[in-house]
Amino acid sequence: DRDFSQIQLVEAKEPNALKLKDLIQLVTLTEASIVPNPEPFECSICLLPYGTDEGVILRECFHMFCRECLAGSIINANDVIVKCPSAENCESEIQEREIKQLLSEEDFSKYL
């Protein structure tokens, strides 16, 4: 109970401090295999519009793609290390936990 009071006190003194709900959301996203998009976007590969939570934000570079295009890029990659498919020549790598979540078990076993 005292910890919660201290958090409220910090929030009152520092308006820019993370709120408890933001902290909980941050921890949840850190533990998640993939990070869903928080707002509508247009996939830069297929150029189709997608709503909230219909796409994925890559952890290393924050580029957003629809799940289908991202999974297709992973399947068609010629290497175990899969780079971000952004047209901006991004050198970030797609993390294994992201790949595992995006692919079917069969496709993931082929990827390995």
Protein backbone atom coordinates (compact mmCIF):
# COMPACT_ATOMS: atom_id res chain seq x y z
CA ASP A 1 0.00 0.00 0.00
CA ARG A 2 2.90 2.33 0.77
CA ASP A 3 4.47 1.71 -2.67
CA PHE A 4 1.28 2.85 -4.39
CA SER A 5 1.23 6.02 -2.28
CA GLN A 6 4.81 6.74 -3.29
CA ILE A 7 3.93 6.30 -6.96
CA GLN A 8 1.05 8.74 -6.60
CA LEU A 9 3.36 11.19 -4.83
CA VAL A 10 5.93 10.97 -7.63
CA GLU A 11 3.20 11.52 -10.23
CA ALA A 12 1.96 14.59 -8.37
CA LYS A 13 5.45 16.10 -8.12
CA GLU A 14 6.61 15.11 -11.61
CA PRO A 15 3.92 15.56 -14.26
CA ASN A 16 6.04 13.72 -16.85
CA ALA A 17 6.51 10.62 -14.68
CA LEU A 18 5.10 7.38 -16.03
CA LYS A 19 1.67 6.63 -14.75
CA LEU A 20 1.08 3.21 -13.23
CA LYS A 21 -1.09 2.07 -16.15
CA ASP A 22 1.62 3.14 -18.62
CA LEU A 23 4.20 1.20 -16.62
CA ILE A 24 2.01 -1.90 -16.62
CA GLN A 25 1.50 -1.57 -20.39
CA LEU A 26 5.25 -1.17 -20.91
CA VAL A 27 6.01 -4.32 -18.91
CA THR A 28 3.31 -6.24 -20.79
CA LEU A 29 4.69 -5.19 -24.19
CA THR A 30 8.25 -5.99 -23.11
CA GLU A 31 7.20 -9.55 -22.30
CA ALA A 32 5.06 -9.99 -25.45
CA SER A 33 6.50 -11.84 -28.44
CA ILE A 34 5.25 -9.22 -30.87
CA VAL A 35 4.17 -5.62 -30.41
CA PRO A 36 0.86 -4.74 -32.10
CA ASN A 37 0.43 -1.36 -33.77
CA PRO A 38 -1.32 1.11 -31.44
CA GLU A 39 -3.00 3.10 -34.21
CA PRO A 40 -4.17 2.63 -37.82
CA PHE A 41 -1.42 2.59 -40.47
CA GLU A 42 -0.67 1.72 -44.09
CA CYS A 43 1.62 -1.27 -44.64
CA SER A 44 4.61 -0.06 -46.64
CA ILE A 45 4.80 -3.39 -48.52
CA CYS A 46 1.21 -4.06 -49.67
CA LEU A 47 0.10 -0.41 -49.26
CA LEU A 48 -3.19 -1.49 -47.66
CA PRO A 49 -4.68 0.29 -44.64
CA TYR A 50 -4.86 -1.60 -41.33
CA GLY A 51 -6.60 -0.81 -38.08
CA THR A 52 -5.30 -0.84 -34.53
CA ASP A 53 -3.74 -4.19 -33.50
CA GLU A 54 -3.86 -5.55 -37.08
CA GLY A 55 -0.15 -5.08 -37.69
CA VAL A 56 3.20 -5.48 -35.97
CA ILE A 57 5.82 -2.97 -34.83
CA LEU A 58 9.35 -4.37 -35.10
CA ARG A 59 11.19 -4.01 -31.79
CA GLU A 60 14.56 -2.88 -33.13
CA CYS A 61 13.49 -0.18 -35.59
CA PHE A 62 9.80 0.50 -34.88
CA HIS A 63 8.78 0.00 -38.53
CA MET A 64 5.18 -1.24 -38.90
CA PHE A 65 3.95 -3.93 -41.28
CA CYS A 66 0.88 -6.10 -41.65
CA ARG A 67 1.35 -9.63 -40.33
CA GLU A 68 0.97 -11.24 -43.77
CA CYS A 69 3.64 -9.14 -45.46
CA LEU A 70 6.05 -9.54 -42.56
CA ALA A 71 5.55 -13.32 -42.46
CA GLY A 72 6.05 -13.47 -46.24
CA SER A 73 9.30 -11.51 -45.96
CA ILE A 74 10.57 -13.93 -43.33
CA ILE A 75 9.61 -17.02 -45.35
CA ASN A 76 11.26 -15.63 -48.50
CA ALA A 77 14.47 -14.56 -46.74
CA ASN A 78 17.55 -16.52 -47.75
CA ASP A 79 19.19 -16.25 -44.35
CA VAL A 80 18.49 -17.16 -40.73
CA ILE A 81 19.11 -13.51 -39.88
CA VAL A 82 16.14 -11.65 -41.34
CA LYS A 83 16.44 -7.92 -41.87
CA CYS A 84 13.58 -5.45 -41.63
CA PRO A 85 11.85 -5.35 -45.05
CA SER A 86 11.53 -1.55 -45.02
CA ALA A 87 12.26 0.19 -48.31
CA GLU A 88 14.46 2.59 -46.32
CA ASN A 89 17.33 0.04 -46.33
CA CYS A 90 16.88 -0.59 -42.63
CA GLU A 91 19.59 -2.86 -41.21
CA SER A 92 17.63 -3.90 -38.11
CA GLU A 93 17.07 -7.60 -37.58
CA ILE A 94 13.72 -9.21 -36.86
CA GLN A 95 14.02 -10.95 -33.49
CA GLU A 96 13.55 -14.72 -33.24
CA ARG A 97 10.63 -14.35 -30.83
CA GLU A 98 8.89 -12.11 -33.38
CA ILE A 99 9.54 -14.63 -36.14
CA LYS A 100 8.25 -17.53 -34.05
CA GLN A 101 5.02 -15.67 -33.31
CA LEU A 102 4.42 -14.64 -36.94
CA LEU A 103 5.04 -18.01 -38.60
CA SER A 104 3.14 -21.27 -38.37
CA GLU A 105 4.96 -24.08 -36.54
CA GLU A 106 5.69 -25.73 -39.90
CA ASP A 107 7.14 -22.56 -41.44
CA PHE A 108 9.12 -21.81 -38.27
CA SER A 109 10.71 -25.28 -38.37
CA LYS A 110 11.74 -24.62 -42.01
CA TYR A 111 13.16 -21.26 -40.95
CA LEU A 112 15.42 -22.97 -38.40
